[in-house]
């Protein structure tokens, strides 16, 4: 990978402790149907979506999103090799 390729950054955020898929979707994609926005976020963030949720009774029960995660707000960028 060439250094000039590193200047393009995929839009993302670091979630707050209370964030959920729904709260992020509402804040970032208010103009889009909530169910569709959540579905897109989850498809762009399989590294979080496919993580097992914390057990019932845990303060984070049912929510796999951690404040240390990076949540992508757009699909993966095209690989430079794919555009040749």
PDB file of N, CA and C in Angstrom:
ATOM      1  N   UNK A   1       0.846  -1.177   0.000  1.00  0.00           N
ATOM      2  CA  UNK A   1       0.000   0.000   0.000  1.00  0.00           C
ATOM      3  C   UNK A   1       0.889   1.237   0.000  1.00  0.00           C
ATOM      4  N   UNK A   2       0.607   2.130  -0.900  1.00  0.00           N
ATOM      5  CA  UNK A   2       1.385   3.359  -1.004  1.00  0.00           C
ATOM      6  C   UNK A   2       0.912   4.385   0.034  1.00  0.00           C
ATOM      7  N   UNK A   3       1.795   5.269   0.422  1.00  0.00           N
ATOM      8  CA  UNK A   3       1.476   6.289   1.434  1.00  0.00           C
ATOM      9  C   UNK A   3       0.307   7.166   1.006  1.00  0.00           C
ATOM     10  N   UNK A   4       0.173   7.472  -0.279  1.00  0.00           N
ATOM     11  CA  UNK A   4      -0.924   8.335  -0.726  1.00  0.00           C
ATOM     12  C   UNK A   4      -2.288   7.671  -0.518  1.00  0.00           C
ATOM     13  N   UNK A   5      -2.325   6.348  -0.446  1.00  0.00           N
ATOM     14  CA  UNK A   5      -3.576   5.640  -0.183  1.00  0.00           C
ATOM     15  C   UNK A   5      -4.063   5.876   1.245  1.00  0.00           C
ATOM     16  N   UNK A   6      -3.180   6.221   2.132  1.00  0.00           N
ATOM     17  CA  UNK A   6      -3.536   6.414   3.531  1.00  0.00           C
ATOM     18  C   UNK A   6      -4.204   7.756   3.800  1.00  0.00           C
ATOM     19  N   UNK A   7      -4.262   8.636   2.806  1.00  0.00           N
ATOM     20  CA  UNK A   7      -4.882   9.937   3.022  1.00  0.00           C
ATOM     21  C   UNK A   7      -6.405   9.857   2.977  1.00  0.00           C
ATOM     22  N   UNK A   8      -6.961   8.771   2.478  1.00  0.00           N
ATOM     23  CA  UNK A   8      -8.404   8.593   2.429  1.00  0.00           C
ATOM     24  C   UNK A   8      -8.825   7.844   3.690  1.00  0.00           C
ATOM     25  N   UNK A   9      -9.737   8.444   4.444  1.00  0.00           N
ATOM     26  CA  UNK A   9     -10.157   7.866   5.712  1.00  0.00           C
ATOM     27  C   UNK A   9     -11.652   7.565   5.650  1.00  0.00           C
ATOM     28  N   UNK A  10     -12.005   6.379   6.045  1.00  0.00           N
ATOM     29  CA  UNK A  10     -13.414   5.976   6.089  1.00  0.00           C
ATOM     30  C   UNK A  10     -14.092   6.661   7.267  1.00  0.00           C
ATOM     31  N   UNK A  11     -15.262   7.254   7.036  1.00  0.00           N
ATOM     32  CA  UNK A  11     -15.997   7.948   8.100  1.00  0.00           C
ATOM     33  C   UNK A  11     -16.317   6.978   9.229  1.00  0.00           C
ATOM     34  N   UNK A  12     -16.057   7.412  10.450  1.00  0.00           N
ATOM     35  CA  UNK A  12     -16.294   6.549  11.605  1.00  0.00           C
ATOM     36  C   UNK A  12     -16.498   7.390  12.858  1.00  0.00           C
ATOM     37  N   UNK A  13     -16.853   6.722  13.936  1.00  0.00           N
ATOM     38  CA  UNK A  13     -16.949   7.390  15.240  1.00  0.00           C
ATOM     39  C   UNK A  13     -16.561   6.411  16.331  1.00  0.00           C
ATOM     40  N   UNK A  14     -16.249   6.955  17.488  1.00  0.00           N
ATOM     41  CA  UNK A  14     -16.011   6.160  18.690  1.00  0.00           C
ATOM     42  C   UNK A  14     -17.264   6.352  19.544  1.00  0.00           C
ATOM     43  N   UNK A  15     -17.987   5.277  19.819  1.00  0.00           N
ATOM     44  CA  UNK A  15     -19.267   5.421  20.524  1.00  0.00           C
ATOM     45  C   UNK A  15     -19.106   5.837  21.983  1.00  0.00           C
ATOM     46  N   UNK A  16     -20.169   6.428  22.489  1.00  0.00           N
ATOM     47  CA  UNK A  16     -20.260   6.741  23.909  1.00  0.00           C
ATOM     48  C   UNK A  16     -20.699   5.472  24.643  1.00  0.00           C
ATOM     49  N   UNK A  17     -20.542   5.441  25.941  1.00  0.00           N
ATOM     50  CA  UNK A  17     -20.854   4.244  26.731  1.00  0.00           C
ATOM     51  C   UNK A  17     -22.303   3.799  26.577  1.00  0.00           C
ATOM     52  N   UNK A  18     -23.211   4.716  26.357  1.00  0.00           N
ATOM     53  CA  UNK A  18     -24.642   4.396  26.275  1.00  0.00           C
ATOM     54  C   UNK A  18     -25.130   4.126  24.845  1.00  0.00           C
ATOM     55  N   UNK A  19     -24.273   4.256  23.847  1.00  0.00           N
ATOM     56  CA  UNK A  19     -24.707   4.120  22.454  1.00  0.00           C
ATOM     57  C   UNK A  19     -25.148   2.703  22.109  1.00  0.00           C
ATOM     58  N   UNK A  20     -26.153   2.638  21.262  1.00  0.00           N
ATOM     59  CA  UNK A  20     -26.664   1.384  20.706  1.00  0.00           C
ATOM     60  C   UNK A  20     -26.720   1.561  19.194  1.00  0.00           C
ATOM     61  N   UNK A  21     -27.023   0.482  18.473  1.00  0.00           N
ATOM     62  CA  UNK A  21     -27.179   0.610  17.023  1.00  0.00           C
ATOM     63  C   UNK A  21     -28.237   1.657  16.705  1.00  0.00           C
ATOM     64  N   UNK A  22     -29.315   1.647  17.460  1.00  0.00           N
ATOM     65  CA  UNK A  22     -30.423   2.573  17.207  1.00  0.00           C
ATOM     66  C   UNK A  22     -30.029   4.021  17.483  1.00  0.00           C
ATOM     67  N   UNK A  23     -29.333   4.264  18.582  1.00  0.00           N
ATOM     68  CA  UNK A  23     -28.972   5.651  18.913  1.00  0.00           C
ATOM     69  C   UNK A  23     -27.971   6.221  17.899  1.00  0.00           C
ATOM     70  N   UNK A  24     -27.058   5.394  17.441  1.00  0.00           N
ATOM     71  CA  UNK A  24     -26.099   5.850  16.427  1.00  0.00           C
ATOM     72  C   UNK A  24     -26.824   6.112  15.108  1.00  0.00           C
ATOM     73  N   UNK A  25     -27.709   5.189  14.721  1.00  0.00           N
ATOM     74  CA  UNK A  25     -28.461   5.361  13.471  1.00  0.00           C
ATOM     75  C   UNK A  25     -29.307   6.629  13.512  1.00  0.00           C
ATOM     76  N   UNK A  26     -29.975   6.892  14.622  1.00  0.00           N
ATOM     77  CA  UNK A  26     -30.799   8.092  14.746  1.00  0.00           C
ATOM     78  C   UNK A  26     -29.960   9.360  14.665  1.00  0.00           C
ATOM     79  N   UNK A  27     -28.811   9.349  15.300  1.00  0.00           N
ATOM     80  CA  UNK A  27     -27.957  10.535  15.312  1.00  0.00           C
ATOM     81  C   UNK A  27     -27.283  10.795  13.967  1.00  0.00           C
ATOM     82  N   UNK A  28     -26.874   9.738  13.287  1.00  0.00           N
ATOM     83  CA  UNK A  28     -26.076   9.907  12.076  1.00  0.00           C
ATOM     84  C   UNK A  28     -26.885   9.824  10.785  1.00  0.00           C
ATOM     85  N   UNK A  29     -28.043   9.165  10.831  1.00  0.00           N
ATOM     86  CA  UNK A  29     -28.840   8.954   9.620  1.00  0.00           C
ATOM     87  C   UNK A  29     -30.312   9.244   9.880  1.00  0.00           C
ATOM     88  N   UNK A  30     -30.586  10.401  10.451  1.00  0.00           N
ATOM     89  CA  UNK A  30     -31.950  10.768  10.830  1.00  0.00           C
ATOM     90  C   UNK A  30     -32.908  10.755   9.643  1.00  0.00           C
ATOM     91  N   UNK A  31     -32.412  10.995   8.444  1.00  0.00           N
ATOM     92  CA  UNK A  31     -33.253  11.059   7.256  1.00  0.00           C
ATOM     93  C   UNK A  31     -33.601   9.689   6.694  1.00  0.00           C
ATOM     94  N   UNK A  32     -32.999   8.628   7.234  1.00  0.00           N
ATOM     95  CA  UNK A  32     -33.210   7.266   6.753  1.00  0.00           C
ATOM     96  C   UNK A  32     -34.082   6.510   7.745  1.00  0.00           C
ATOM     97  N   UNK A  33     -34.934   5.617   7.230  1.00  0.00           N
ATOM     98  CA  UNK A  33     -35.744   4.748   8.068  1.00  0.00           C
ATOM     99  C   UNK A  33     -34.833   4.075   9.099  1.00  0.00           C
ATOM    100  N   UNK A  34     -35.242   4.071  10.373  1.00  0.00           N
ATOM    101  CA  UNK A  34     -34.399   3.561  11.458  1.00  0.00           C
ATOM    102  C   UNK A  34     -33.981   2.115  11.225  1.00  0.00           C
ATOM    103  N   UNK A  35     -34.905   1.265  10.835  1.00  0.00           N
ATOM    104  CA  UNK A  35     -34.575  -0.146  10.622  1.00  0.00           C
ATOM    105  C   UNK A  35     -33.535  -0.311   9.511  1.00  0.00           C
ATOM    106  N   UNK A  36     -33.669   0.451   8.451  1.00  0.00           N
ATOM    107  CA  UNK A  36     -32.705   0.382   7.343  1.00  0.00           C
ATOM    108  C   UNK A  36     -31.342   0.905   7.764  1.00  0.00           C
ATOM    109  N   UNK A  37     -31.338   2.006   8.516  1.00  0.00           N
ATOM    110  CA  UNK A  37     -30.079   2.594   8.969  1.00  0.00           C
ATOM    111  C   UNK A  37     -29.335   1.646   9.904  1.00  0.00           C
ATOM    112  N   UNK A  38     -30.061   1.007  10.820  1.00  0.00           N
ATOM    113  CA  UNK A  38     -29.438   0.048  11.741  1.00  0.00           C
ATOM    114  C   UNK A  38     -28.866  -1.124  10.955  1.00  0.00           C
ATOM    115  N   UNK A  39     -29.622  -1.618  10.000  1.00  0.00           N
ATOM    116  CA  UNK A  39     -29.163  -2.745   9.179  1.00  0.00           C
ATOM    117  C   UNK A  39     -27.882  -2.393   8.420  1.00  0.00           C
ATOM    118  N   UNK A  40     -27.828  -1.209   7.852  1.00  0.00           N
ATOM    119  CA  UNK A  40     -26.611  -0.787   7.142  1.00  0.00           C
ATOM    120  C   UNK A  40     -25.439  -0.661   8.089  1.00  0.00           C
ATOM    121  N   UNK A  41     -25.645  -0.022   9.234  1.00  0.00           N
ATOM    122  CA  UNK A  41     -24.555   0.103  10.213  1.00  0.00           C
ATOM    123  C   UNK A  41     -24.011  -1.264  10.604  1.00  0.00           C
ATOM    124  N   UNK A  42     -24.902  -2.192  10.861  1.00  0.00           N
ATOM    125  CA  UNK A  42     -24.464  -3.525  11.269  1.00  0.00           C
ATOM    126  C   UNK A  42     -23.691  -4.221  10.155  1.00  0.00           C
ATOM    127  N   UNK A  43     -24.103  -4.027   8.903  1.00  0.00           N
ATOM    128  CA  UNK A  43     -23.390  -4.675   7.794  1.00  0.00           C
ATOM    129  C   UNK A  43     -22.011  -4.062   7.569  1.00  0.00           C
ATOM    130  N   UNK A  44     -21.841  -2.803   7.921  1.00  0.00           N
ATOM    131  CA  UNK A  44     -20.540  -2.140   7.778  1.00  0.00           C
ATOM    132  C   UNK A  44     -19.637  -2.397   8.977  1.00  0.00           C
ATOM    133  N   UNK A  45     -20.180  -2.978  10.035  1.00  0.00           N
ATOM    134  CA  UNK A  45     -19.448  -3.164  11.296  1.00  0.00           C
ATOM    135  C   UNK A  45     -19.573  -4.589  11.809  1.00  0.00           C
ATOM    136  N   UNK A  46     -19.302  -5.546  10.952  1.00  0.00           N
ATOM    137  CA  UNK A  46     -19.431  -6.950  11.348  1.00  0.00           C
ATOM    138  C   UNK A  46     -18.505  -7.311  12.504  1.00  0.00           C
ATOM    139  N   UNK A  47     -17.395  -6.588  12.639  1.00  0.00           N
ATOM    140  CA  UNK A  47     -16.465  -6.840  13.742  1.00  0.00           C
ATOM    141  C   UNK A  47     -17.123  -6.583  15.102  1.00  0.00           C
ATOM    142  N   UNK A  48     -18.174  -5.772  15.128  1.00  0.00           N
ATOM    143  CA  UNK A  48     -18.926  -5.513  16.356  1.00  0.00           C
ATOM    144  C   UNK A  48     -20.225  -6.316  16.362  1.00  0.00           C
ATOM    145  N   UNK A  49     -20.939  -6.293  15.247  1.00  0.00           N
ATOM    146  CA  UNK A  49     -22.247  -6.942  15.161  1.00  0.00           C
ATOM    147  C   UNK A  49     -22.178  -8.437  15.448  1.00  0.00           C
ATOM    148  N   UNK A  50     -21.121  -9.097  15.004  1.00  0.00           N
ATOM    149  CA  UNK A  50     -21.006 -10.545  15.185  1.00  0.00           C
ATOM    150  C   UNK A  50     -20.387 -10.936  16.530  1.00  0.00           C
ATOM    151  N   UNK A  51     -20.004  -9.958  17.317  1.00  0.00           N
ATOM    152  CA  UNK A  51     -19.448 -10.233  18.655  1.00  0.00           C
ATOM    153  C   UNK A  51     -20.580 -10.702  19.565  1.00  0.00           C
ATOM    154  N   UNK A  52     -20.343 -11.704  20.376  1.00  0.00           N
ATOM    155  CA  UNK A  52     -21.387 -12.131  21.320  1.00  0.00           C
ATOM    156  C   UNK A  52     -21.747 -10.982  22.274  1.00  0.00           C
ATOM    157  N   UNK A  53     -23.022 -10.802  22.494  1.00  0.00           N
ATOM    158  CA  UNK A  53     -23.481  -9.764  23.424  1.00  0.00           C
ATOM    159  C   UNK A  53     -23.148 -10.184  24.853  1.00  0.00           C
ATOM    160  N   UNK A  54     -22.971  -9.219  25.746  1.00  0.00           N
ATOM    161  CA  UNK A  54     -22.713  -9.561  27.150  1.00  0.00           C
ATOM    162  C   UNK A  54     -23.886 -10.359  27.730  1.00  0.00           C
ATOM    163  N   UNK A  55     -23.635 -11.151  28.747  1.00  0.00           N
ATOM    164  CA  UNK A  55     -24.701 -11.985  29.319  1.00  0.00           C
ATOM    165  C   UNK A  55     -25.802 -11.160  29.988  1.00  0.00           C
ATOM    166  N   UNK A  56     -26.977 -11.767  30.084  1.00  0.00           N
ATOM    167  CA  UNK A  56     -28.095 -11.131  30.791  1.00  0.00           C
ATOM    168  C   UNK A  56     -27.659 -10.797  32.215  1.00  0.00           C
ATOM    169  N   UNK A  57     -28.111  -9.676  32.694  1.00  0.00           N
ATOM    170  CA  UNK A  57     -27.734  -9.247  34.042  1.00  0.00           C
ATOM    171  C   UNK A  57     -26.523  -8.329  34.050  1.00  0.00           C
ATOM    172  N   UNK A  58     -25.771  -8.334  32.960  1.00  0.00           N
ATOM    173  CA  UNK A  58     -24.623  -7.446  32.822  1.00  0.00           C
ATOM    174  C   UNK A  58     -25.118  -6.025  32.536  1.00  0.00           C
ATOM    175  N   UNK A  59     -24.378  -4.995  32.962  1.00  0.00           N
ATOM    176  CA  UNK A  59     -24.792  -3.619  32.668  1.00  0.00           C
ATOM    177  C   UNK A  59     -24.919  -3.347  31.164  1.00  0.00           C
ATOM    178  N   UNK A  60     -24.230  -4.118  30.337  1.00  0.00           N
ATOM    179  CA  UNK A  60     -24.278  -3.922  28.887  1.00  0.00           C
ATOM    180  C   UNK A  60     -25.081  -5.031  28.196  1.00  0.00           C
ATOM    181  N   UNK A  61     -25.934  -5.736  28.937  1.00  0.00           N
ATOM    182  CA  UNK A  61     -26.700  -6.864  28.393  1.00  0.00           C
ATOM    183  C   UNK A  61     -27.406  -6.483  27.096  1.00  0.00           C
ATOM    184  N   UNK A  62     -27.236  -7.325  26.081  1.00  0.00           N
ATOM    185  CA  UNK A  62     -27.906  -7.124  24.810  1.00  0.00           C
ATOM    186  C   UNK A  62     -27.247  -6.130  23.884  1.00  0.00           C
ATOM    187  N   UNK A  63     -26.201  -5.463  24.309  1.00  0.00           N
ATOM    188  CA  UNK A  63     -25.549  -4.446  23.476  1.00  0.00           C
ATOM    189  C   UNK A  63     -24.077  -4.804  23.294  1.00  0.00           C
ATOM    190  N   UNK A  64     -23.684  -5.216  22.079  1.00  0.00           N
ATOM    191  CA  UNK A  64     -22.294  -5.598  21.866  1.00  0.00           C
ATOM    192  C   UNK A  64     -21.351  -4.406  21.664  1.00  0.00           C
ATOM    193  N   UNK A  65     -21.888  -3.189  21.547  1.00  0.00           N
ATOM    194  CA  UNK A  65     -21.052  -2.011  21.261  1.00  0.00           C
ATOM    195  C   UNK A  65     -20.328  -1.561  22.523  1.00  0.00           C
ATOM    196  N   UNK A  66     -19.010  -1.428  22.407  1.00  0.00           N
ATOM    197  CA  UNK A  66     -18.175  -0.967  23.523  1.00  0.00           C
ATOM    198  C   UNK A  66     -17.640   0.432  23.227  1.00  0.00           C
ATOM    199  N   UNK A  67     -17.369   1.234  24.242  1.00  0.00           N
ATOM    200  CA  UNK A  67     -16.803   2.569  24.022  1.00  0.00           C
ATOM    201  C   UNK A  67     -15.428   2.538  23.346  1.00  0.00           C
ATOM    202  N   UNK A  68     -14.772   1.415  23.328  1.00  0.00           N
ATOM    203  CA  UNK A  68     -13.457   1.300  22.684  1.00  0.00           C
ATOM    204  C   UNK A  68     -13.563   0.890  21.207  1.00  0.00           C
ATOM    205  N   UNK A  69     -14.787   0.629  20.723  1.00  0.00           N
ATOM    206  CA  UNK A  69     -14.976   0.238  19.325  1.00  0.00           C
ATOM    207  C   UNK A  69     -14.833   1.419  18.384  1.00  0.00           C
ATOM    208  N   UNK A  70     -14.590   1.106  17.145  1.00  0.00           N
ATOM    209  CA  UNK A  70     -14.677   2.087  16.064  1.00  0.00           C
ATOM    210  C   UNK A  70     -15.871   1.654  15.231  1.00  0.00           C
ATOM    211  N   UNK A  71     -16.839   2.548  15.073  1.00  0.00           N
ATOM    212  CA  UNK A  71     -18.043   2.254  14.305  1.00  0.00           C
ATOM    213  C   UNK A  71     -17.954   2.997  12.979  1.00  0.00           C
ATOM    214  N   UNK A  72     -17.949   2.239  11.897  1.00  0.00           N
ATOM    215  CA  UNK A  72     -17.871   2.838  10.564  1.00  0.00           C
ATOM    216  C   UNK A  72     -19.233   3.354  10.145  1.00  0.00           C
ATOM    217  N   UNK A  73     -19.254   4.544   9.543  1.00  0.00           N
ATOM    218  CA  UNK A  73     -20.483   5.211   9.143  1.00  0.00           C
ATOM    219  C   UNK A  73     -20.684   5.205   7.634  1.00  0.00           C
ATOM    220  N   UNK A  74     -19.902   4.411   6.949  1.00  0.00           N
ATOM    221  CA  UNK A  74     -20.036   4.261   5.500  1.00  0.00           C
ATOM    222  C   UNK A  74     -19.476   2.900   5.115  1.00  0.00           C
ATOM    223  N   UNK A  75     -19.853   2.414   3.930  1.00  0.00           N
ATOM    224  CA  UNK A  75     -19.357   1.098   3.516  1.00  0.00           C
ATOM    225  C   UNK A  75     -17.854   1.119   3.274  1.00  0.00           C
ATOM    226  N   UNK A  76     -17.243  -0.067   3.173  1.00  0.00           N
ATOM    227  CA  UNK A  76     -15.817  -0.122   2.876  1.00  0.00           C
ATOM    228  C   UNK A  76     -15.501   0.625   1.591  1.00  0.00           C
ATOM    229  N   UNK A  77     -14.388   1.316   1.587  1.00  0.00           N
ATOM    230  CA  UNK A  77     -13.967   2.046   0.406  1.00  0.00           C
ATOM    231  C   UNK A  77     -13.416   1.056  -0.620  1.00  0.00           C
ATOM    232  N   UNK A  78     -13.601   1.379  -1.874  1.00  0.00           N
ATOM    233  CA  UNK A  78     -13.102   0.502  -2.944  1.00  0.00           C
ATOM    234  C   UNK A  78     -11.591   0.394  -2.855  1.00  0.00           C
ATOM    235  N   UNK A  79     -11.096  -0.798  -3.054  1.00  0.00           N
ATOM    236  CA  UNK A  79      -9.657  -1.037  -3.072  1.00  0.00           C
ATOM    237  C   UNK A  79      -9.075  -0.389  -4.315  1.00  0.00           C
ATOM    238  N   UNK A  80      -7.951   0.263  -4.183  1.00  0.00           N
ATOM    239  CA  UNK A  80      -7.324   0.948  -5.323  1.00  0.00           C
ATOM    240  C   UNK A  80      -7.053  -0.033  -6.475  1.00  0.00           C
ATOM    241  N   UNK A  81      -6.746  -1.271  -6.164  1.00  0.00           N
ATOM    242  CA  UNK A  81      -6.480  -2.265  -7.204  1.00  0.00           C
ATOM    243  C   UNK A  81      -7.746  -2.586  -7.986  1.00  0.00           C
ATOM    244  N   UNK A  82      -8.921  -2.441  -7.357  1.00  0.00           N
ATOM    245  CA  UNK A  82     -10.174  -2.723  -8.028  1.00  0.00           C
ATOM    246  C   UNK A  82     -10.541  -1.656  -9.052  1.00  0.00           C
ATOM    247  N   UNK A  83      -9.971  -0.476  -8.919  1.00  0.00           N
ATOM    248  CA  UNK A  83     -10.325   0.625  -9.809  1.00  0.00           C
ATOM    249  C   UNK A  83      -9.453   0.687 -11.056  1.00  0.00           C
ATOM    250  N   UNK A  84      -8.444  -0.166 -11.150  1.00  0.00           N
ATOM    251  CA  UNK A  84      -7.553  -0.157 -12.310  1.00  0.00           C
ATOM    252  C   UNK A  84      -8.166  -0.853 -13.495  1.00  0.00           C
TER     253      UNK A  84
END
